[in-house]
Amino acid sequence: MDQTVAGLMRDADTGDRAAADRLFTMLYADLHRLAERQLSRNSGQLTLGATTLLHEAYISMADREGAAYPDRAHFMAYASRAMRGLVIDYVRSRRAQKRGGEFHITGIDTSTPAGGDEATEQLDALGEALEGLAELDPPLAQLVDLHFFCGFGFAEIAAMRGVSERTVLREWRKARVLLRSTLRD
């Protein structure tokens, strides 16, 4: 199956829209699981569905010029970043609405749970920290996306990357240290 995925990725990279659509269809179950995982990390604070998030991410990815996915790991990490960005944008939009960014006749917003501001700030900080990590060391940022957001185990990531599990664990520790130091600043 991965060989077929690799072929579809190559074709999609050359601009073959039909290959991109087949790739999306082939990986739909994995991508839906990824969307559910993205949403579950926000403890039910979002009124956004996994299917909606997945389709919005697909539209965002399909519209990007020059995006290349040399293998499944890169594709899933890119999809994870796209979904994470959409979730952060959605949370920011909801926060702006809560702060009076939209006029509402009713005065009570029942869709936003109390204490959501702290979670929103943490999500923003994590997004910024991951963007900083991506600038500093893109493979480490991809590892965080694959493990933390996509839910892949270290053995799966090692197989995707063609390295030992021990190497992936060492990189994971390094990524955690860098993220912690960034989040403390």
N, C-alpha and C. Protein backbone atom coordinates (compact mmCIF):
# COMPACT_ATOMS: atom_id res chain seq x y z
N MET A 1 0.82 -1.19 0.00
CA MET A 1 0.00 0.00 0.00
C MET A 1 0.86 1.26 0.00
N ASP A 2 1.94 1.28 0.82
CA ASP A 2 2.79 2.47 0.86
C ASP A 2 3.42 2.76 -0.49
N GLN A 3 3.67 1.70 -1.29
CA GLN A 3 4.25 1.92 -2.61
C GLN A 3 3.23 2.65 -3.49
N THR A 4 1.96 2.28 -3.40
CA THR A 4 0.91 2.96 -4.14
C THR A 4 0.79 4.39 -3.66
N VAL A 5 0.86 4.60 -2.36
CA VAL A 5 0.79 5.95 -1.79
C VAL A 5 1.96 6.78 -2.32
N ALA A 6 3.14 6.19 -2.34
CA ALA A 6 4.31 6.92 -2.84
C ALA A 6 4.12 7.32 -4.30
N GLY A 7 3.60 6.42 -5.11
CA GLY A 7 3.35 6.73 -6.52
C GLY A 7 2.32 7.83 -6.68
N LEU A 8 1.25 7.76 -5.90
CA LEU A 8 0.23 8.81 -5.96
C LEU A 8 0.79 10.15 -5.51
N MET A 9 1.67 10.12 -4.51
CA MET A 9 2.28 11.37 -4.03
C MET A 9 3.15 11.98 -5.11
N ARG A 10 3.92 11.13 -5.79
CA ARG A 10 4.76 11.65 -6.89
C ARG A 10 3.89 12.28 -7.97
N ASP A 11 2.81 11.59 -8.33
CA ASP A 11 1.92 12.12 -9.37
C ASP A 11 1.24 13.40 -8.90
N ALA A 12 0.82 13.42 -7.64
CA ALA A 12 0.16 14.62 -7.11
C ALA A 12 1.14 15.80 -7.07
N ASP A 13 2.41 15.51 -6.77
CA ASP A 13 3.42 16.57 -6.73
C ASP A 13 3.64 17.21 -8.09
N THR A 14 3.37 16.46 -9.15
CA THR A 14 3.55 17.01 -10.50
C THR A 14 2.31 17.78 -10.96
N GLY A 15 1.31 17.86 -10.11
CA GLY A 15 0.12 18.64 -10.44
C GLY A 15 -1.06 17.81 -10.91
N ASP A 16 -0.96 16.50 -10.82
CA ASP A 16 -2.06 15.62 -11.23
C ASP A 16 -3.16 15.66 -10.17
N ARG A 17 -4.21 16.40 -10.46
CA ARG A 17 -5.31 16.59 -9.50
C ARG A 17 -6.02 15.27 -9.20
N ALA A 18 -6.17 14.41 -10.21
CA ALA A 18 -6.82 13.11 -10.00
C ALA A 18 -6.02 12.25 -9.03
N ALA A 19 -4.69 12.29 -9.13
CA ALA A 19 -3.84 11.54 -8.21
C ALA A 19 -3.99 12.09 -6.79
N ALA A 20 -4.06 13.40 -6.67
CA ALA A 20 -4.25 14.02 -5.35
C ALA A 20 -5.57 13.58 -4.74
N ASP A 21 -6.61 13.52 -5.55
CA ASP A 21 -7.92 13.08 -5.06
C ASP A 21 -7.89 11.61 -4.64
N ARG A 22 -7.22 10.76 -5.44
CA ARG A 22 -7.10 9.33 -5.08
C ARG A 22 -6.29 9.17 -3.79
N LEU A 23 -5.25 9.97 -3.65
CA LEU A 23 -4.43 9.92 -2.44
C LEU A 23 -5.26 10.27 -1.22
N PHE A 24 -6.05 11.33 -1.34
CA PHE A 24 -6.92 11.75 -0.24
C PHE A 24 -7.90 10.63 0.12
N THR A 25 -8.49 10.01 -0.90
CA THR A 25 -9.44 8.92 -0.67
C THR A 25 -8.75 7.74 0.00
N MET A 26 -7.54 7.40 -0.44
CA MET A 26 -6.81 6.27 0.10
C MET A 26 -6.44 6.49 1.58
N LEU A 27 -6.10 7.72 1.93
CA LEU A 27 -5.67 8.03 3.29
C LEU A 27 -6.78 8.63 4.15
N TYR A 28 -8.02 8.59 3.66
CA TYR A 28 -9.12 9.25 4.35
C TYR A 28 -9.28 8.76 5.79
N ALA A 29 -9.24 7.46 6.01
CA ALA A 29 -9.42 6.92 7.36
C ALA A 29 -8.34 7.44 8.31
N ASP A 30 -7.08 7.44 7.85
CA ASP A 30 -5.99 7.96 8.68
C ASP A 30 -6.17 9.44 8.94
N LEU A 31 -6.57 10.17 7.92
CA LEU A 31 -6.76 11.62 8.07
C LEU A 31 -7.93 11.93 8.99
N HIS A 32 -8.98 11.13 8.92
CA HIS A 32 -10.14 11.35 9.81
C HIS A 32 -9.74 11.09 11.26
N ARG A 33 -8.96 10.04 11.46
CA ARG A 33 -8.46 9.75 12.82
C ARG A 33 -7.60 10.90 13.32
N LEU A 34 -6.79 11.46 12.44
CA LEU A 34 -5.95 12.61 12.78
C LEU A 34 -6.82 13.81 13.16
N ALA A 35 -7.88 14.06 12.42
CA ALA A 35 -8.78 15.18 12.73
C ALA A 35 -9.46 14.96 14.08
N GLU A 36 -9.91 13.74 14.34
CA GLU A 36 -10.53 13.45 15.64
C GLU A 36 -9.54 13.68 16.78
N ARG A 37 -8.31 13.29 16.56
CA ARG A 37 -7.28 13.47 17.59
C ARG A 37 -7.01 14.95 17.82
N GLN A 38 -6.95 15.73 16.75
CA GLN A 38 -6.74 17.17 16.87
C GLN A 38 -7.85 17.78 17.72
N LEU A 39 -9.08 17.40 17.46
CA LEU A 39 -10.21 17.97 18.17
C LEU A 39 -10.29 17.48 19.61
N SER A 40 -9.92 16.23 19.86
CA SER A 40 -9.99 15.70 21.22
C SER A 40 -8.98 16.37 22.13
N ARG A 41 -7.91 16.90 21.58
CA ARG A 41 -6.90 17.58 22.39
C ARG A 41 -7.45 18.87 23.00
N ASN A 42 -8.55 19.36 22.49
CA ASN A 42 -9.13 20.60 22.98
C ASN A 42 -10.27 20.36 23.95
N SER A 43 -10.37 19.17 24.47
CA SER A 43 -11.30 18.81 25.54
C SER A 43 -12.73 19.25 25.28
N GLY A 44 -13.19 19.06 24.06
CA GLY A 44 -14.58 19.38 23.75
C GLY A 44 -14.90 20.86 23.70
N GLN A 45 -13.90 21.72 23.62
CA GLN A 45 -14.14 23.15 23.61
C GLN A 45 -14.52 23.66 22.23
N LEU A 46 -14.43 22.81 21.24
CA LEU A 46 -14.71 23.24 19.87
C LEU A 46 -16.04 22.69 19.40
N THR A 47 -16.75 23.50 18.64
CA THR A 47 -18.00 23.05 18.04
C THR A 47 -17.76 22.68 16.59
N LEU A 48 -16.57 22.27 16.30
CA LEU A 48 -16.13 21.90 14.96
C LEU A 48 -16.07 20.38 14.89
N GLY A 49 -16.57 19.79 13.81
CA GLY A 49 -16.56 18.34 13.65
C GLY A 49 -15.31 17.86 12.95
N ALA A 50 -14.96 16.59 13.17
CA ALA A 50 -13.76 16.01 12.57
C ALA A 50 -13.84 16.00 11.05
N THR A 51 -15.01 15.68 10.51
CA THR A 51 -15.15 15.65 9.05
C THR A 51 -14.99 17.04 8.46
N THR A 52 -15.54 18.03 9.11
CA THR A 52 -15.40 19.41 8.64
C THR A 52 -13.94 19.83 8.67
N LEU A 53 -13.26 19.53 9.78
CA LEU A 53 -11.84 19.87 9.90
C LEU A 53 -11.03 19.18 8.81
N LEU A 54 -11.31 17.90 8.58
CA LEU A 54 -10.59 17.15 7.55
C LEU A 54 -10.79 17.76 6.17
N HIS A 55 -12.02 18.10 5.85
CA HIS A 55 -12.30 18.66 4.52
C HIS A 55 -11.71 20.05 4.36
N GLU A 56 -11.75 20.86 5.41
CA GLU A 56 -11.12 22.18 5.35
C GLU A 56 -9.61 22.05 5.16
N ALA A 57 -9.01 21.08 5.85
CA ALA A 57 -7.57 20.85 5.70
C ALA A 57 -7.25 20.41 4.28
N TYR A 58 -8.09 19.55 3.72
CA TYR A 58 -7.86 19.10 2.35
C TYR A 58 -7.92 20.28 1.38
N ILE A 59 -8.91 21.13 1.55
CA ILE A 59 -9.03 22.31 0.68
C ILE A 59 -7.80 23.19 0.82
N SER A 60 -7.37 23.39 2.05
CA SER A 60 -6.17 24.20 2.30
C SER A 60 -4.94 23.58 1.64
N MET A 61 -4.79 22.28 1.76
CA MET A 61 -3.64 21.60 1.19
C MET A 61 -3.70 21.57 -0.34
N ALA A 62 -4.90 21.39 -0.89
CA ALA A 62 -5.05 21.31 -2.34
C ALA A 62 -4.77 22.67 -3.00
N ASP A 63 -5.06 23.75 -2.28
CA ASP A 63 -4.86 25.09 -2.82
C ASP A 63 -3.40 25.55 -2.77
N ARG A 64 -2.58 24.84 -2.02
CA ARG A 64 -1.18 25.25 -1.86
C ARG A 64 -0.36 24.90 -3.08
N GLU A 65 0.31 25.89 -3.60
CA GLU A 65 1.21 25.67 -4.74
C GLU A 65 2.57 25.24 -4.24
N GLY A 66 3.16 24.27 -4.88
CA GLY A 66 4.53 23.88 -4.58
C GLY A 66 4.69 23.00 -3.35
N ALA A 67 3.59 22.57 -2.73
CA ALA A 67 3.70 21.68 -1.58
C ALA A 67 4.08 20.30 -2.09
N ALA A 68 5.13 19.72 -1.53
CA ALA A 68 5.59 18.40 -1.95
C ALA A 68 5.53 17.44 -0.78
N TYR A 69 5.10 16.23 -1.06
CA TYR A 69 4.98 15.19 -0.05
C TYR A 69 5.78 13.98 -0.53
N PRO A 70 7.07 13.92 -0.23
CA PRO A 70 7.89 12.83 -0.76
C PRO A 70 7.53 11.46 -0.20
N ASP A 71 6.87 11.42 0.95
CA ASP A 71 6.49 10.13 1.52
C ASP A 71 5.29 10.32 2.44
N ARG A 72 4.79 9.21 2.95
CA ARG A 72 3.60 9.24 3.81
C ARG A 72 3.84 10.06 5.07
N ALA A 73 5.02 9.95 5.65
CA ALA A 73 5.32 10.70 6.88
C ALA A 73 5.21 12.20 6.64
N HIS A 74 5.77 12.67 5.54
CA HIS A 74 5.70 14.10 5.23
C HIS A 74 4.26 14.53 4.98
N PHE A 75 3.50 13.69 4.28
CA PHE A 75 2.12 14.01 3.99
C PHE A 75 1.30 14.13 5.28
N MET A 76 1.44 13.13 6.16
CA MET A 76 0.67 13.14 7.41
C MET A 76 1.10 14.30 8.31
N ALA A 77 2.38 14.58 8.36
CA ALA A 77 2.86 15.71 9.18
C ALA A 77 2.32 17.03 8.62
N TYR A 78 2.32 17.15 7.30
CA TYR A 78 1.79 18.37 6.68
C TYR A 78 0.30 18.50 6.94
N ALA A 79 -0.43 17.39 6.84
CA ALA A 79 -1.87 17.40 7.12
C ALA A 79 -2.12 17.79 8.58
N SER A 80 -1.28 17.28 9.48
CA SER A 80 -1.40 17.61 10.89
C SER A 80 -1.19 19.10 11.12
N ARG A 81 -0.17 19.67 10.48
CA ARG A 81 0.09 21.11 10.62
C ARG A 81 -1.07 21.93 10.06
N ALA A 82 -1.61 21.48 8.93
CA ALA A 82 -2.75 22.19 8.33
C ALA A 82 -3.94 22.16 9.29
N MET A 83 -4.22 21.00 9.87
CA MET A 83 -5.34 20.89 10.80
C MET A 83 -5.09 21.69 12.07
N ARG A 84 -3.86 21.63 12.57
CA ARG A 84 -3.53 22.40 13.78
C ARG A 84 -3.74 23.89 13.52
N GLY A 85 -3.30 24.36 12.36
CA GLY A 85 -3.47 25.76 12.00
C GLY A 85 -4.94 26.14 11.91
N LEU A 86 -5.75 25.26 11.33
CA LEU A 86 -7.19 25.53 11.24
C LEU A 86 -7.84 25.57 12.62
N VAL A 87 -7.44 24.65 13.50
CA VAL A 87 -7.98 24.64 14.85
C VAL A 87 -7.61 25.93 15.58
N ILE A 88 -6.36 26.35 15.47
CA ILE A 88 -5.93 27.59 16.12
C ILE A 88 -6.70 28.78 15.56
N ASP A 89 -6.87 28.85 14.24
CA ASP A 89 -7.64 29.93 13.64
C ASP A 89 -9.09 29.91 14.11
N TYR A 90 -9.66 28.72 14.22
CA TYR A 90 -11.04 28.58 14.68
C TYR A 90 -11.17 29.07 16.12
N VAL A 91 -10.23 28.67 16.97
CA VAL A 91 -10.27 29.08 18.37
C VAL A 91 -10.11 30.59 18.48
N ARG A 92 -9.20 31.17 17.72
CA ARG A 92 -9.02 32.62 17.73
C ARG A 92 -10.29 33.33 17.28
N SER A 93 -10.93 32.81 16.25
CA SER A 93 -12.17 33.40 15.76
C SER A 93 -13.26 33.34 16.83
N ARG A 94 -13.37 32.20 17.49
CA ARG A 94 -14.37 32.06 18.58
C ARG A 94 -14.06 33.01 19.71
N ARG A 95 -12.78 33.20 20.02
CA ARG A 95 -12.40 34.12 21.10
C ARG A 95 -12.75 35.55 20.70
N ALA A 96 -12.53 35.91 19.44
CA ALA A 96 -12.86 37.26 18.97
C ALA A 96 -14.37 37.48 19.04
N GLN A 97 -15.14 36.46 18.69
CA GLN A 97 -16.60 36.58 18.79
C GLN A 97 -17.02 36.75 20.24
N LYS A 98 -16.38 36.02 21.12
CA LYS A 98 -16.71 36.09 22.54
C LYS A 98 -16.40 37.47 23.10
N ARG A 99 -15.36 38.09 22.58
CA ARG A 99 -14.94 39.40 23.05
C ARG A 99 -15.70 40.55 22.39
N GLY A 100 -16.71 40.21 21.60
CA GLY A 100 -17.50 41.27 20.98
C GLY A 100 -17.16 41.51 19.53
N GLY A 101 -16.45 40.59 18.92
CA GLY A 101 -16.09 40.72 17.52
C GLY A 101 -17.27 40.63 16.59
N GLU A 102 -18.38 40.07 17.06
CA GLU A 102 -19.62 40.00 16.30
C GLU A 102 -20.74 40.45 17.21
N PHE A 103 -21.68 41.14 16.65
CA PHE A 103 -22.82 41.62 17.41
C PHE A 103 -23.84 40.50 17.56
N HIS A 104 -24.27 40.23 18.79
CA HIS A 104 -25.29 39.22 19.07
C HIS A 104 -26.40 39.86 19.88
N ILE A 105 -27.63 39.54 19.56
CA ILE A 105 -28.75 40.06 20.32
C ILE A 105 -28.83 39.36 21.67
N THR A 106 -28.60 38.05 21.69
CA THR A 106 -28.61 37.33 22.96
C THR A 106 -27.30 37.59 23.68
N GLY A 107 -27.36 37.65 24.99
CA GLY A 107 -26.18 37.99 25.76
C GLY A 107 -25.42 36.81 26.32
N ILE A 108 -25.93 35.59 26.17
CA ILE A 108 -25.27 34.42 26.75
C ILE A 108 -24.79 33.52 25.63
N ASP A 109 -23.51 33.21 25.65
CA ASP A 109 -22.94 32.30 24.66
C ASP A 109 -22.77 30.96 25.34
N THR A 110 -23.64 30.01 25.01
CA THR A 110 -23.59 28.70 25.65
C THR A 110 -22.64 27.74 24.98
N SER A 111 -22.09 28.11 23.83
CA SER A 111 -21.21 27.17 23.12
C SER A 111 -19.76 27.26 23.58
N THR A 112 -19.38 28.27 24.32
CA THR A 112 -18.01 28.41 24.78
C THR A 112 -17.96 28.13 26.28
N PRO A 113 -17.32 27.06 26.71
CA PRO A 113 -17.26 26.73 28.12
C PRO A 113 -16.41 27.73 28.90
N ALA A 114 -16.72 27.84 30.18
CA ALA A 114 -15.93 28.72 31.05
C ALA A 114 -14.50 28.22 31.12
N GLY A 115 -13.55 29.11 31.24
CA GLY A 115 -12.15 28.74 31.32
C GLY A 115 -11.53 28.48 29.98
N GLY A 116 -12.22 28.79 28.90
CA GLY A 116 -11.72 28.54 27.56
C GLY A 116 -10.57 29.44 27.18
N ASP A 117 -10.47 30.62 27.81
CA ASP A 117 -9.40 31.55 27.47
C ASP A 117 -8.02 30.96 27.76
N GLU A 118 -7.87 30.30 28.90
CA GLU A 118 -6.58 29.71 29.24
C GLU A 118 -6.19 28.62 28.24
N ALA A 119 -7.16 27.79 27.86
CA ALA A 119 -6.88 26.74 26.88
C ALA A 119 -6.53 27.35 25.54
N THR A 120 -7.20 28.43 25.17
CA THR A 120 -6.92 29.11 23.91
C THR A 120 -5.51 29.67 23.91
N GLU A 121 -5.11 30.28 25.02
CA GLU A 121 -3.77 30.83 25.12
C GLU A 121 -2.72 29.73 25.05
N GLN A 122 -2.99 28.58 25.69
CA GLN A 122 -2.06 27.46 25.64
C GLN A 122 -1.95 26.92 24.21
N LEU A 123 -3.07 26.85 23.52
CA LEU A 123 -3.06 26.37 22.14
C LEU A 123 -2.28 27.32 21.25
N ASP A 124 -2.48 28.63 21.44
CA ASP A 124 -1.72 29.63 20.68
C ASP A 124 -0.22 29.48 20.96
N ALA A 125 0.12 29.34 22.24
CA ALA A 125 1.54 29.23 22.62
C ALA A 125 2.16 27.97 22.02
N LEU A 126 1.42 26.86 22.05
CA LEU A 126 1.93 25.62 21.48
C LEU A 126 2.12 25.76 19.97
N GLY A 127 1.16 26.39 19.31
CA GLY A 127 1.27 26.60 17.86
C GLY A 127 2.50 27.44 17.52
N GLU A 128 2.72 28.51 18.28
CA GLU A 128 3.89 29.37 18.05
C GLU A 128 5.18 28.62 18.33
N ALA A 129 5.19 27.82 19.39
CA ALA A 129 6.39 27.05 19.74
C ALA A 129 6.71 26.04 18.64
N LEU A 130 5.70 25.40 18.10
CA LEU A 130 5.94 24.43 17.03
C LEU A 130 6.40 25.11 15.75
N GLU A 131 5.89 26.30 15.47
CA GLU A 131 6.36 27.06 14.31
C GLU A 131 7.84 27.42 14.49
N GLY A 132 8.19 27.83 15.71
CA GLY A 132 9.59 28.14 16.00
C GLY A 132 10.48 26.92 15.87
N LEU A 133 10.00 25.78 16.34
CA LEU A 133 10.76 24.54 16.22
C LEU A 133 10.92 24.16 14.75
N ALA A 134 9.88 24.39 13.95
CA ALA A 134 9.95 24.08 12.52
C ALA A 134 11.01 24.93 11.82
N GLU A 135 11.18 26.17 12.27
CA GLU A 135 12.23 27.02 11.69
C GLU A 135 13.61 26.58 12.14
N LEU A 136 13.71 26.16 13.40
CA LEU A 136 14.99 25.74 13.97
C LEU A 136 15.42 24.36 13.46
N ASP A 137 14.48 23.41 13.48
CA ASP A 137 14.80 22.03 13.12
C ASP A 137 13.54 21.35 12.55
N PRO A 138 13.32 21.46 11.24
CA PRO A 138 12.10 20.91 10.64
C PRO A 138 11.85 19.42 10.93
N PRO A 139 12.88 18.55 10.90
CA PRO A 139 12.60 17.15 11.21
C PRO A 139 12.07 16.93 12.63
N LEU A 140 12.53 17.73 13.58
CA LEU A 140 12.00 17.60 14.95
C LEU A 140 10.55 18.04 15.01
N ALA A 141 10.21 19.12 14.30
CA ALA A 141 8.82 19.58 14.27
C ALA A 141 7.94 18.52 13.61
N GLN A 142 8.45 17.88 12.57
CA GLN A 142 7.69 16.82 11.91
C GLN A 142 7.48 15.65 12.86
N LEU A 143 8.49 15.32 13.65
CA LEU A 143 8.38 14.24 14.63
C LEU A 143 7.27 14.56 15.64
N VAL A 144 7.22 15.80 16.13
CA VAL A 144 6.17 16.19 17.07
C VAL A 144 4.80 16.05 16.41
N ASP A 145 4.68 16.51 15.17
CA ASP A 145 3.41 16.37 14.46
C ASP A 145 3.01 14.91 14.32
N LEU A 146 3.95 14.07 13.92
CA LEU A 146 3.64 12.65 13.71
C LEU A 146 3.26 11.93 15.00
N HIS A 147 3.98 12.21 16.07
CA HIS A 147 3.72 11.50 17.32
C HIS A 147 2.58 12.13 18.12
N PHE A 148 2.70 13.41 18.38
CA PHE A 148 1.76 14.08 19.27
C PHE A 148 0.41 14.32 18.60
N PHE A 149 0.43 14.79 17.37
CA PHE A 149 -0.82 15.15 16.70
C PHE A 149 -1.39 14.03 15.85
N CYS A 150 -0.54 13.28 15.15
CA CYS A 150 -1.03 12.19 14.30
C CYS A 150 -1.27 10.91 15.10
N GLY A 151 -0.58 10.77 16.23
CA GLY A 151 -0.78 9.59 17.05
C GLY A 151 0.03 8.37 16.66
N PHE A 152 1.04 8.55 15.82
CA PHE A 152 1.89 7.43 15.44
C PHE A 152 2.83 7.08 16.59
N GLY A 153 3.08 5.79 16.76
CA GLY A 153 4.03 5.33 17.76
C GLY A 153 5.45 5.55 17.27
N PHE A 154 6.40 5.46 18.20
CA PHE A 154 7.80 5.68 17.84
C PHE A 154 8.30 4.64 16.84
N ALA A 155 7.84 3.40 17.00
CA ALA A 155 8.26 2.34 16.06
C ALA A 155 7.74 2.64 14.65
N GLU A 156 6.49 3.12 14.56
CA GLU A 156 5.93 3.46 13.24
C GLU A 156 6.70 4.62 12.60
N ILE A 157 7.03 5.61 13.40
CA ILE A 157 7.77 6.76 12.89
C ILE A 157 9.16 6.33 12.44
N ALA A 158 9.80 5.46 13.22
CA ALA A 158 11.13 4.96 12.85
C ALA A 158 11.05 4.23 11.51
N ALA A 159 10.02 3.41 11.32
CA ALA A 159 9.87 2.69 10.06
C ALA A 159 9.63 3.66 8.90
N MET A 160 8.82 4.70 9.13
CA MET A 160 8.57 5.70 8.08
C MET A 160 9.83 6.43 7.67
N ARG A 161 10.67 6.70 8.68
CA ARG A 161 11.89 7.48 8.42
C ARG A 161 13.08 6.61 8.05
N GLY A 162 12.98 5.32 8.25
CA GLY A 162 14.10 4.44 7.93
C GLY A 162 15.25 4.56 8.92
N VAL A 163 14.91 4.81 10.19
CA VAL A 163 15.92 4.90 11.25
C VAL A 163 15.50 3.99 12.39
N SER A 164 16.35 3.88 13.40
CA SER A 164 16.01 3.03 14.54
C SER A 164 15.03 3.74 15.47
N GLU A 165 14.33 2.95 16.24
CA GLU A 165 13.40 3.52 17.22
C GLU A 165 14.15 4.32 18.27
N ARG A 166 15.34 3.88 18.59
CA ARG A 166 16.17 4.59 19.57
C ARG A 166 16.51 6.00 19.07
N THR A 167 16.79 6.14 17.78
CA THR A 167 17.06 7.45 17.19
C THR A 167 15.84 8.34 17.31
N VAL A 168 14.67 7.79 17.04
CA VAL A 168 13.43 8.57 17.13
C VAL A 168 13.19 9.00 18.58
N LEU A 169 13.43 8.11 19.53
CA LEU A 169 13.26 8.46 20.95
C LEU A 169 14.22 9.58 21.37
N ARG A 170 15.45 9.51 20.89
CA ARG A 170 16.43 10.55 21.19
C ARG A 170 15.97 11.90 20.61
N GLU A 171 15.48 11.87 19.38
CA GLU A 171 14.98 13.10 18.76
C GLU A 171 13.74 13.62 19.49
N TRP A 172 12.90 12.72 19.97
CA TRP A 172 11.70 13.11 20.71
C TRP A 172 12.08 13.85 21.99
N ARG A 173 13.08 13.32 22.70
CA ARG A 173 13.53 13.98 23.93
C ARG A 173 14.07 15.38 23.61
N LYS A 174 14.83 15.48 22.54
CA LYS A 174 15.38 16.78 22.13
C LYS A 174 14.25 17.75 21.78
N ALA A 175 13.25 17.29 21.05
CA ALA A 175 12.12 18.15 20.67
C ALA A 175 11.37 18.62 21.91
N ARG A 176 11.17 17.74 22.87
CA ARG A 176 10.46 18.12 24.10
C ARG A 176 11.23 19.18 24.87
N VAL A 177 12.54 19.02 24.95
CA VAL A 177 13.37 20.01 25.66
C VAL A 177 13.27 21.37 24.97
N LEU A 178 13.39 21.37 23.65
CA LEU A 178 13.31 22.64 22.91
C LEU A 178 11.94 23.28 23.05
N LEU A 179 10.88 22.48 23.00
CA LEU A 179 9.53 23.04 23.15
C LEU A 179 9.31 23.59 24.55
N ARG A 180 9.77 22.86 25.55
CA ARG A 180 9.61 23.35 26.94
C ARG A 180 10.33 24.67 27.14
N SER A 181 11.55 24.76 26.62
CA SER A 181 12.28 26.02 26.80
C SER A 181 11.60 27.17 26.06
N THR A 182 11.01 26.88 24.91
CA THR A 182 10.29 27.91 24.16
C THR A 182 9.02 28.33 24.88
N LEU A 183 8.31 27.38 25.45
CA LEU A 183 7.05 27.67 26.14
C LEU A 183 7.28 28.42 27.45
N ARG A 184 8.43 28.25 28.07
CA ARG A 184 8.74 28.96 29.32
C ARG A 184 9.08 30.42 29.09
N ASP A 185 9.63 30.71 27.92
CA ASP A 185 10.06 32.09 27.62
C ASP A 185 8.92 33.04 27.47
